[in-house]
PDB file of all heavy atoms in Angstrom:
ATOM      1  N   LYS A   1       5.855  97.377 208.168  1.00  0.00           N
ATOM      2  CA  LYS A   1       6.558  98.475 207.524  1.00  0.00           C
ATOM      3  C   LYS A   1       6.065  99.809 208.061  1.00  0.00           C
ATOM      4  O   LYS A   1       4.939 100.244 207.836  1.00  0.00           O
ATOM      5  CB  LYS A   1       6.308  98.459 206.014  1.00  0.00           C
ATOM      6  CG  LYS A   1       6.809  97.181 205.312  1.00  0.00           C
ATOM      7  CD  LYS A   1       8.343  97.145 205.281  1.00  0.00           C
ATOM      8  CE  LYS A   1       8.858  95.930 204.500  1.00  0.00           C
ATOM      9  NZ  LYS A   1      10.310  95.877 204.439  1.00  0.00           N
ATOM     10  N   ALA A   2       6.949 100.465 208.804  1.00  0.00           N
ATOM     11  CA  ALA A   2       6.555 101.748 209.443  1.00  0.00           C
ATOM     12  C   ALA A   2       6.416 102.863 208.420  1.00  0.00           C
ATOM     13  O   ALA A   2       7.232 102.934 207.448  1.00  0.00           O
ATOM     14  CB  ALA A   2       7.568 102.121 210.515  1.00  0.00           C
ATOM     15  N   ILE A   3       5.442 103.724 208.565  1.00  0.00           N
ATOM     16  CA  ILE A   3       5.286 104.883 207.703  1.00  0.00           C
ATOM     17  C   ILE A   3       6.127 106.029 208.294  1.00  0.00           C
ATOM     18  O   ILE A   3       6.092 106.259 209.505  1.00  0.00           O
ATOM     19  CB  ILE A   3       3.833 105.312 207.613  1.00  0.00           C
ATOM     20  CG1 ILE A   3       2.997 104.180 206.991  1.00  0.00           C
ATOM     21  CG2 ILE A   3       3.630 106.626 206.846  1.00  0.00           C
ATOM     22  CD1 ILE A   3       1.460 104.424 207.037  1.00  0.00           C
ATOM     23  N   THR A   4       6.873 106.740 207.454  1.00  0.00           N
ATOM     24  CA  THR A   4       7.715 107.837 207.884  1.00  0.00           C
ATOM     25  C   THR A   4       7.133 109.178 207.408  1.00  0.00           C
ATOM     26  O   THR A   4       6.285 109.231 206.501  1.00  0.00           O
ATOM     27  CB  THR A   4       9.143 107.707 207.342  1.00  0.00           C
ATOM     28  OG1 THR A   4       9.096 107.861 205.913  1.00  0.00           O
ATOM     29  CG2 THR A   4       9.762 106.382 207.748  1.00  0.00           C
ATOM     30  N   ILE A   5       7.644 110.246 207.993  1.00  0.00           N
ATOM     31  CA  ILE A   5       7.208 111.564 207.575  1.00  0.00           C
ATOM     32  C   ILE A   5       7.601 111.847 206.146  1.00  0.00           C
ATOM     33  O   ILE A   5       6.810 112.428 205.365  1.00  0.00           O
ATOM     34  CB  ILE A   5       7.821 112.645 208.511  1.00  0.00           C
ATOM     35  CG1 ILE A   5       7.267 112.440 209.947  1.00  0.00           C
ATOM     36  CG2 ILE A   5       7.478 114.062 208.012  1.00  0.00           C
ATOM     37  CD1 ILE A   5       7.870 113.396 210.966  1.00  0.00           C
ATOM     38  N   ARG A   6       8.771 111.372 205.718  1.00  0.00           N
ATOM     39  CA  ARG A   6       9.180 111.598 204.324  1.00  0.00           C
ATOM     40  C   ARG A   6       8.137 110.966 203.381  1.00  0.00           C
ATOM     41  O   ARG A   6       7.845 111.579 202.311  1.00  0.00           O
ATOM     42  CB  ARG A   6      10.545 110.925 204.093  1.00  0.00           C
ATOM     43  CG  ARG A   6      11.071 111.185 202.631  1.00  0.00           C
ATOM     44  CD  ARG A   6      12.397 110.481 202.382  1.00  0.00           C
ATOM     45  NE  ARG A   6      13.402 110.841 203.314  1.00  0.00           N
ATOM     46  CZ  ARG A   6      14.187 111.912 203.199  1.00  0.00           C
ATOM     47  NH1 ARG A   6      14.011 112.749 202.156  1.00  0.00           N
ATOM     48  NH2 ARG A   6      15.138 112.168 204.062  1.00  0.00           N
ATOM     49  N   GLN A   7       7.619 109.867 203.684  1.00  0.00           N
ATOM     50  CA  GLN A   7       6.619 109.227 202.827  1.00  0.00           C
ATOM     51  C   GLN A   7       5.329 110.041 202.764  1.00  0.00           C
ATOM     52  O   GLN A   7       4.647 110.115 201.714  1.00  0.00           O
ATOM     53  CB  GLN A   7       6.355 107.780 203.309  1.00  0.00           C
ATOM     54  CG  GLN A   7       7.553 106.904 203.058  1.00  0.00           C
ATOM     55  CD  GLN A   7       7.548 105.632 203.887  1.00  0.00           C
ATOM     56  OE1 GLN A   7       6.652 105.432 204.733  1.00  0.00           O
ATOM     57  NE2 GLN A   7       8.528 104.761 203.710  1.00  0.00           N
ATOM     58  N   LEU A   8       4.952 110.652 203.878  1.00  0.00           N
ATOM     59  CA  LEU A   8       3.748 111.499 203.877  1.00  0.00           C
ATOM     60  C   LEU A   8       3.945 112.716 202.956  1.00  0.00           C
ATOM     61  O   LEU A   8       3.037 113.079 202.181  1.00  0.00           O
ATOM     62  CB  LEU A   8       3.400 111.951 205.293  1.00  0.00           C
ATOM     63  CG  LEU A   8       2.893 110.890 206.267  1.00  0.00           C
ATOM     64  CD1 LEU A   8       2.620 111.543 207.618  1.00  0.00           C
ATOM     65  CD2 LEU A   8       1.591 110.252 205.731  1.00  0.00           C
ATOM     66  N   VAL A   9       5.118 113.356 203.016  1.00  0.00           N
ATOM     67  CA  VAL A   9       5.300 114.603 202.282  1.00  0.00           C
ATOM     68  C   VAL A   9       5.631 114.362 200.834  1.00  0.00           C
ATOM     69  O   VAL A   9       5.716 115.329 200.039  1.00  0.00           O
ATOM     70  CB  VAL A   9       6.398 115.486 202.912  1.00  0.00           C
ATOM     71  CG1 VAL A   9       6.042 115.840 204.384  1.00  0.00           C
ATOM     72  CG2 VAL A   9       7.780 114.898 202.832  1.00  0.00           C
ATOM     73  N   THR A  10       5.807 113.087 200.424  1.00  0.00           N
ATOM     74  CA  THR A  10       6.047 112.768 199.034  1.00  0.00           C
ATOM     75  C   THR A  10       4.944 111.884 198.441  1.00  0.00           C
ATOM     76  O   THR A  10       5.094 111.342 197.360  1.00  0.00           O
ATOM     77  CB  THR A  10       7.410 112.034 198.849  1.00  0.00           C
ATOM     78  OG1 THR A  10       7.437 110.871 199.663  1.00  0.00           O
ATOM     79  CG2 THR A  10       8.564 112.968 199.207  1.00  0.00           C
ATOM     80  N   HIS A  11       3.832 111.758 199.176  1.00  0.00           N
ATOM     81  CA  HIS A  11       2.674 110.957 198.701  1.00  0.00           C
ATOM     82  C   HIS A  11       3.029 109.500 198.444  1.00  0.00           C
ATOM     83  O   HIS A  11       2.515 108.864 197.484  1.00  0.00           O
ATOM     84  CB  HIS A  11       2.065 111.588 197.435  1.00  0.00           C
ATOM     85  CG  HIS A  11       1.586 112.974 197.607  1.00  0.00           C
ATOM     86  ND1 HIS A  11       0.510 113.306 198.430  1.00  0.00           N
ATOM     87  CD2 HIS A  11       1.980 114.166 197.071  1.00  0.00           C
ATOM     88  CE1 HIS A  11       0.280 114.616 198.382  1.00  0.00           C
ATOM     89  NE2 HIS A  11       1.171 115.152 197.580  1.00  0.00           N
ATOM     90  N   THR A  12       3.902 108.942 199.266  1.00  0.00           N
ATOM     91  CA  THR A  12       4.264 107.530 199.076  1.00  0.00           C
ATOM     92  C   THR A  12       4.001 106.709 200.328  1.00  0.00           C
ATOM     93  O   THR A  12       4.587 105.618 200.490  1.00  0.00           O
ATOM     94  CB  THR A  12       5.749 107.420 198.703  1.00  0.00           C
ATOM     95  OG1 THR A  12       6.584 108.012 199.701  1.00  0.00           O
ATOM     96  CG2 THR A  12       6.054 108.056 197.364  1.00  0.00           C
ATOM     97  N   SER A  13       3.117 107.165 201.178  1.00  0.00           N
ATOM     98  CA  SER A  13       2.867 106.479 202.481  1.00  0.00           C
ATOM     99  C   SER A  13       1.997 105.226 202.352  1.00  0.00           C
ATOM    100  O   SER A  13       1.973 104.397 203.248  1.00  0.00           O
ATOM    101  CB  SER A  13       2.155 107.436 203.451  1.00  0.00           C
ATOM    102  OG  SER A  13       0.861 107.735 203.016  1.00  0.00           O
ATOM    103  N   GLY A  14       1.316 105.079 201.223  1.00  0.00           N
ATOM    104  CA  GLY A  14       0.335 103.994 201.058  1.00  0.00           C
ATOM    105  C   GLY A  14      -1.061 104.377 201.462  1.00  0.00           C
ATOM    106  O   GLY A  14      -2.006 103.599 201.243  1.00  0.00           O
ATOM    107  N   ILE A  15      -1.240 105.561 202.043  1.00  0.00           N
ATOM    108  CA  ILE A  15      -2.607 106.079 202.407  1.00  0.00           C
ATOM    109  C   ILE A  15      -3.264 106.586 201.124  1.00  0.00           C
ATOM    110  O   ILE A  15      -2.668 107.302 200.346  1.00  0.00           O
ATOM    111  CB  ILE A  15      -2.503 107.160 203.466  1.00  0.00           C
ATOM    112  CG1 ILE A  15      -1.897 106.590 204.767  1.00  0.00           C
ATOM    113  CG2 ILE A  15      -3.873 107.803 203.738  1.00  0.00           C
ATOM    114  CD1 ILE A  15      -1.552 107.674 205.798  1.00  0.00           C
ATOM    115  N   LEU A  16      -4.526 106.188 200.963  1.00  0.00           N
ATOM    116  CA  LEU A  16      -5.297 106.608 199.803  1.00  0.00           C
ATOM    117  C   LEU A  16      -6.489 107.481 200.200  1.00  0.00           C
ATOM    118  O   LEU A  16      -6.933 107.419 201.346  1.00  0.00           O
ATOM    119  CB  LEU A  16      -5.843 105.384 199.041  1.00  0.00           C
ATOM    120  CG  LEU A  16      -4.806 104.332 198.553  1.00  0.00           C
ATOM    121  CD1 LEU A  16      -5.566 103.207 197.885  1.00  0.00           C
ATOM    122  CD2 LEU A  16      -3.843 104.961 197.565  1.00  0.00           C
ATOM    123  N   ASP A  17      -7.010 108.249 199.265  1.00  0.00           N
ATOM    124  CA  ASP A  17      -8.259 108.974 199.482  1.00  0.00           C
ATOM    125  C   ASP A  17      -9.394 108.105 198.983  1.00  0.00           C
ATOM    126  O   ASP A  17      -9.752 108.157 197.785  1.00  0.00           O
ATOM    127  CB  ASP A  17      -8.231 110.301 198.722  1.00  0.00           C
ATOM    128  CG  ASP A  17      -7.244 111.304 199.283  1.00  0.00           C
ATOM    129  OD1 ASP A  17      -6.763 111.111 200.422  1.00  0.00           O
ATOM    130  OD2 ASP A  17      -6.908 112.266 198.554  1.00  0.00           O
ATOM    131  N   ASN A  18      -9.946 107.347 199.850  1.00  0.00           N
ATOM    132  CA  ASN A  18     -11.141 106.545 199.542  1.00  0.00           C
ATOM    133  C   ASN A  18     -12.317 107.500 199.415  1.00  0.00           C
ATOM    134  O   ASN A  18     -12.661 108.197 200.385  1.00  0.00           O
ATOM    135  CB  ASN A  18     -11.364 105.493 200.602  1.00  0.00           C
ATOM    136  CG  ASN A  18     -12.465 104.527 200.253  1.00  0.00           C
ATOM    137  OD1 ASN A  18     -13.456 104.875 199.642  1.00  0.00           O
ATOM    138  ND2 ASN A  18     -12.290 103.290 200.657  1.00  0.00           N
ATOM    139  N   GLU A  19     -12.952 107.553 198.275  1.00  0.00           N
ATOM    140  CA  GLU A  19     -13.981 108.557 197.991  1.00  0.00           C
ATOM    141  C   GLU A  19     -15.063 108.627 199.060  1.00  0.00           C
ATOM    142  O   GLU A  19     -15.479 109.678 199.532  1.00  0.00           O
ATOM    143  CB  GLU A  19     -14.598 108.365 196.593  1.00  0.00           C
ATOM    144  CG  GLU A  19     -15.447 109.492 196.130  1.00  0.00           C
ATOM    145  CD  GLU A  19     -14.705 110.724 195.698  1.00  0.00           C
ATOM    146  OE1 GLU A  19     -13.482 110.692 195.621  1.00  0.00           O
ATOM    147  OE2 GLU A  19     -15.396 111.771 195.497  1.00  0.00           O
ATOM    148  N   ALA A  20     -15.561 107.490 199.467  1.00  0.00           N
ATOM    149  CA  ALA A  20     -16.663 107.412 200.396  1.00  0.00           C
ATOM    150  C   ALA A  20     -16.312 108.100 201.740  1.00  0.00           C
ATOM    151  O   ALA A  20     -17.071 108.862 202.299  1.00  0.00           O
ATOM    152  CB  ALA A  20     -17.083 105.972 200.664  1.00  0.00           C
ATOM    153  N   GLY A  21     -15.117 107.789 202.219  1.00  0.00           N
ATOM    154  CA  GLY A  21     -14.694 108.349 203.494  1.00  0.00           C
ATOM    155  C   GLY A  21     -14.167 109.782 203.365  1.00  0.00           C
ATOM    156  O   GLY A  21     -14.352 110.623 204.244  1.00  0.00           O
ATOM    157  N   TYR A  22     -13.529 110.026 202.230  1.00  0.00           N
ATOM    158  CA  TYR A  22     -12.944 111.351 202.024  1.00  0.00           C
ATOM    159  C   TYR A  22     -13.994 112.451 201.908  1.00  0.00           C
ATOM    160  O   TYR A  22     -13.835 113.569 202.385  1.00  0.00           O
ATOM    161  CB  TYR A  22     -12.051 111.350 200.775  1.00  0.00           C
ATOM    162  CG  TYR A  22     -11.423 112.671 200.473  1.00  0.00           C
ATOM    163  CD1 TYR A  22     -10.697 113.392 201.426  1.00  0.00           C
ATOM    164  CD2 TYR A  22     -11.583 113.253 199.210  1.00  0.00           C
ATOM    165  CE1 TYR A  22     -10.154 114.616 201.162  1.00  0.00           C
ATOM    166  CE2 TYR A  22     -11.029 114.496 198.926  1.00  0.00           C
ATOM    167  CZ  TYR A  22     -10.323 115.139 199.873  1.00  0.00           C
ATOM    168  OH  TYR A  22      -9.761 116.381 199.610  1.00  0.00           O
ATOM    169  N   GLN A  23     -15.138 112.164 201.302  1.00  0.00           N
ATOM    170  CA  GLN A  23     -16.191 113.154 201.135  1.00  0.00           C
ATOM    171  C   GLN A  23     -16.743 113.614 202.477  1.00  0.00           C
ATOM    172  O   GLN A  23     -17.330 114.686 202.568  1.00  0.00           O
ATOM    173  CB  GLN A  23     -17.305 112.599 200.259  1.00  0.00           C
ATOM    174  CG  GLN A  23     -16.941 112.499 198.803  1.00  0.00           C
ATOM    175  CD  GLN A  23     -16.536 113.842 198.188  1.00  0.00           C
ATOM    176  OE1 GLN A  23     -17.175 114.831 198.431  1.00  0.00           O
ATOM    177  NE2 GLN A  23     -15.457 113.812 197.414  1.00  0.00           N
ATOM    178  N   LYS A  24     -16.557 112.794 203.531  1.00  0.00           N
ATOM    179  CA  LYS A  24     -16.998 113.190 204.866  1.00  0.00           C
ATOM    180  C   LYS A  24     -16.193 114.361 205.428  1.00  0.00           C
ATOM    181  O   LYS A  24     -16.570 114.974 206.416  1.00  0.00           O
ATOM    182  CB  LYS A  24     -16.939 112.006 205.813  1.00  0.00           C
ATOM    183  CG  LYS A  24     -17.753 110.799 205.422  1.00  0.00           C
ATOM    184  CD  LYS A  24     -19.217 111.052 205.481  1.00  0.00           C
ATOM    185  CE  LYS A  24     -20.020 109.806 205.199  1.00  0.00           C
ATOM    186  NZ  LYS A  24     -21.482 110.026 205.255  1.00  0.00           N
ATOM    187  N   ALA A  25     -15.083 114.676 204.787  1.00  0.00           N
ATOM    188  CA  ALA A  25     -14.261 115.790 205.225  1.00  0.00           C
ATOM    189  C   ALA A  25     -14.839 117.139 204.835  1.00  0.00           C
ATOM    190  O   ALA A  25     -14.457 118.203 205.381  1.00  0.00           O
ATOM    191  CB  ALA A  25     -12.817 115.637 204.674  1.00  0.00           C
ATOM    192  N   TYR A  26     -15.781 117.135 203.877  1.00  0.00           N
ATOM    193  CA  TYR A  26     -16.445 118.382 203.424  1.00  0.00           C
ATOM    194  C   TYR A  26     -17.730 118.581 204.235  1.00  0.00           C
ATOM    195  O   TYR A  26     -18.551 117.682 204.336  1.00  0.00           O
ATOM    196  CB  TYR A  26     -16.810 118.237 201.946  1.00  0.00           C
ATOM    197  CG  TYR A  26     -15.629 118.317 201.013  1.00  0.00           C
ATOM    198  CD1 TYR A  26     -14.826 117.163 200.834  1.00  0.00           C
ATOM    199  CD2 TYR A  26     -15.319 119.451 200.328  1.00  0.00           C
ATOM    200  CE1 TYR A  26     -13.758 117.183 199.985  1.00  0.00           C
ATOM    201  CE2 TYR A  26     -14.217 119.471 199.434  1.00  0.00           C
ATOM    202  CZ  TYR A  26     -13.437 118.329 199.263  1.00  0.00           C
ATOM    203  OH  TYR A  26     -12.348 118.356 198.427  1.00  0.00           O
ATOM    204  N   GLN A  27     -17.891 119.788 204.733  1.00  0.00           N
ATOM    205  CA  GLN A  27     -19.095 120.102 205.515  1.00  0.00           C
ATOM    206  C   GLN A  27     -19.623 121.472 205.106  1.00  0.00           C
ATOM    207  O   GLN A  27     -18.874 122.426 204.946  1.00  0.00           O
ATOM    208  CB  GLN A  27     -18.790 120.108 207.021  1.00  0.00           C
ATOM    209  CG  GLN A  27     -18.436 118.727 207.570  1.00  0.00           C
ATOM    210  CD  GLN A  27     -18.330 118.739 209.106  1.00  0.00           C
ATOM    211  OE1 GLN A  27     -18.302 119.776 209.754  1.00  0.00           O
ATOM    212  NE2 GLN A  27     -18.273 117.574 209.670  1.00  0.00           N
ATOM    213  N   ASN A  28     -20.925 121.567 204.982  1.00  0.00           N
ATOM    214  CA  ASN A  28     -21.567 122.864 204.692  1.00  0.00           C
ATOM    215  C   ASN A  28     -21.699 123.631 206.009  1.00  0.00           C
ATOM    216  O   ASN A  28     -22.823 123.919 206.456  1.00  0.00           O
ATOM    217  CB  ASN A  28     -22.918 122.683 203.998  1.00  0.00           C
ATOM    218  CG  ASN A  28     -22.742 122.209 202.581  1.00  0.00           C
ATOM    219  OD1 ASN A  28     -23.223 121.164 202.182  1.00  0.00           O
ATOM    220  ND2 ASN A  28     -22.076 123.011 201.776  1.00  0.00           N
ATOM    221  N   GLU A  29     -20.571 123.943 206.572  1.00  0.00           N
ATOM    222  CA  GLU A  29     -20.511 124.664 207.865  1.00  0.00           C
ATOM    223  C   GLU A  29     -19.449 125.709 207.799  1.00  0.00           C
ATOM    224  O   GLU A  29     -18.524 125.627 207.001  1.00  0.00           O
ATOM    225  CB  GLU A  29     -20.175 123.712 209.007  1.00  0.00           C
ATOM    226  CG  GLU A  29     -21.080 122.496 209.162  1.00  0.00           C
ATOM    227  CD  GLU A  29     -22.414 122.831 209.824  1.00  0.00           C
ATOM    228  OE1 GLU A  29     -22.562 123.979 210.352  1.00  0.00           O
ATOM    229  OE2 GLU A  29     -23.317 121.964 209.822  1.00  0.00           O
ATOM    230  N   LYS A  30     -19.624 126.766 208.613  1.00  0.00           N
ATOM    231  CA  LYS A  30     -18.607 127.796 208.654  1.00  0.00           C
ATOM    232  C   LYS A  30     -17.318 127.283 209.311  1.00  0.00           C
ATOM    233  O   LYS A  30     -16.195 127.777 209.006  1.00  0.00           O
ATOM    234  CB  LYS A  30     -19.093 129.035 209.415  1.00  0.00           C
ATOM    235  CG  LYS A  30     -20.216 129.746 208.667  1.00  0.00           C
ATOM    236  CD  LYS A  30     -20.672 131.006 209.423  1.00  0.00           C
ATOM    237  CE  LYS A  30     -21.731 131.734 208.601  1.00  0.00           C
ATOM    238  NZ  LYS A  30     -22.235 132.928 209.294  1.00  0.00           N
ATOM    239  N   LYS A  31     -17.470 126.285 210.172  1.00  0.00           N
ATOM    240  CA  LYS A  31     -16.323 125.586 210.786  1.00  0.00           C
ATOM    241  C   LYS A  31     -16.692 124.158 210.959  1.00  0.00           C
ATOM    242  O   LYS A  31     -17.845 123.880 211.318  1.00  0.00           O
ATOM    243  CB  LYS A  31     -15.938 126.277 212.116  1.00  0.00           C
ATOM    244  CG  LYS A  31     -14.644 125.760 212.702  1.00  0.00           C
ATOM    245  CD  LYS A  31     -14.229 126.542 213.930  1.00  0.00           C
ATOM    246  CE  LYS A  31     -12.913 126.051 214.488  1.00  0.00           C
ATOM    247  NZ  LYS A  31     -12.453 126.829 215.651  1.00  0.00           N
ATOM    248  N   PRO A  32     -15.785 123.194 210.739  1.00  0.00           N
ATOM    249  CA  PRO A  32     -16.137 121.817 210.879  1.00  0.00           C
ATOM    250  C   PRO A  32     -16.663 121.470 212.241  1.00  0.00           C
ATOM    251  O   PRO A  32     -16.283 122.059 213.257  1.00  0.00           O
ATOM    252  CB  PRO A  32     -14.816 121.093 210.607  1.00  0.00           C
ATOM    253  CG  PRO A  32     -14.045 122.051 209.776  1.00  0.00           C
ATOM    254  CD  PRO A  32     -14.408 123.400 210.264  1.00  0.00           C
ATOM    255  N   THR A  33     -17.541 120.486 212.266  1.00  0.00           N
ATOM    256  CA  THR A  33     -18.171 120.101 213.558  1.00  0.00           C
ATOM    257  C   THR A  33     -17.378 119.008 214.274  1.00  0.00           C
ATOM    258  O   THR A  33     -17.714 118.664 215.371  1.00  0.00           O
ATOM    259  CB  THR A  33     -19.612 119.611 213.301  1.00  0.00           C
ATOM    260  OG1 THR A  33     -19.551 118.510 212.348  1.00  0.00           O
ATOM    261  CG2 THR A  33     -20.460 120.703 212.770  1.00  0.00           C
TER     262      THR A  33
END
């Protein structure tokens, strides 16, 4: 089942924010490394 742009912009793509991996997106930096 291919993911489409429409599904991304409506939060229906099946992608989840897994807490362990998502927290890696936050960095105590002025710009991400």
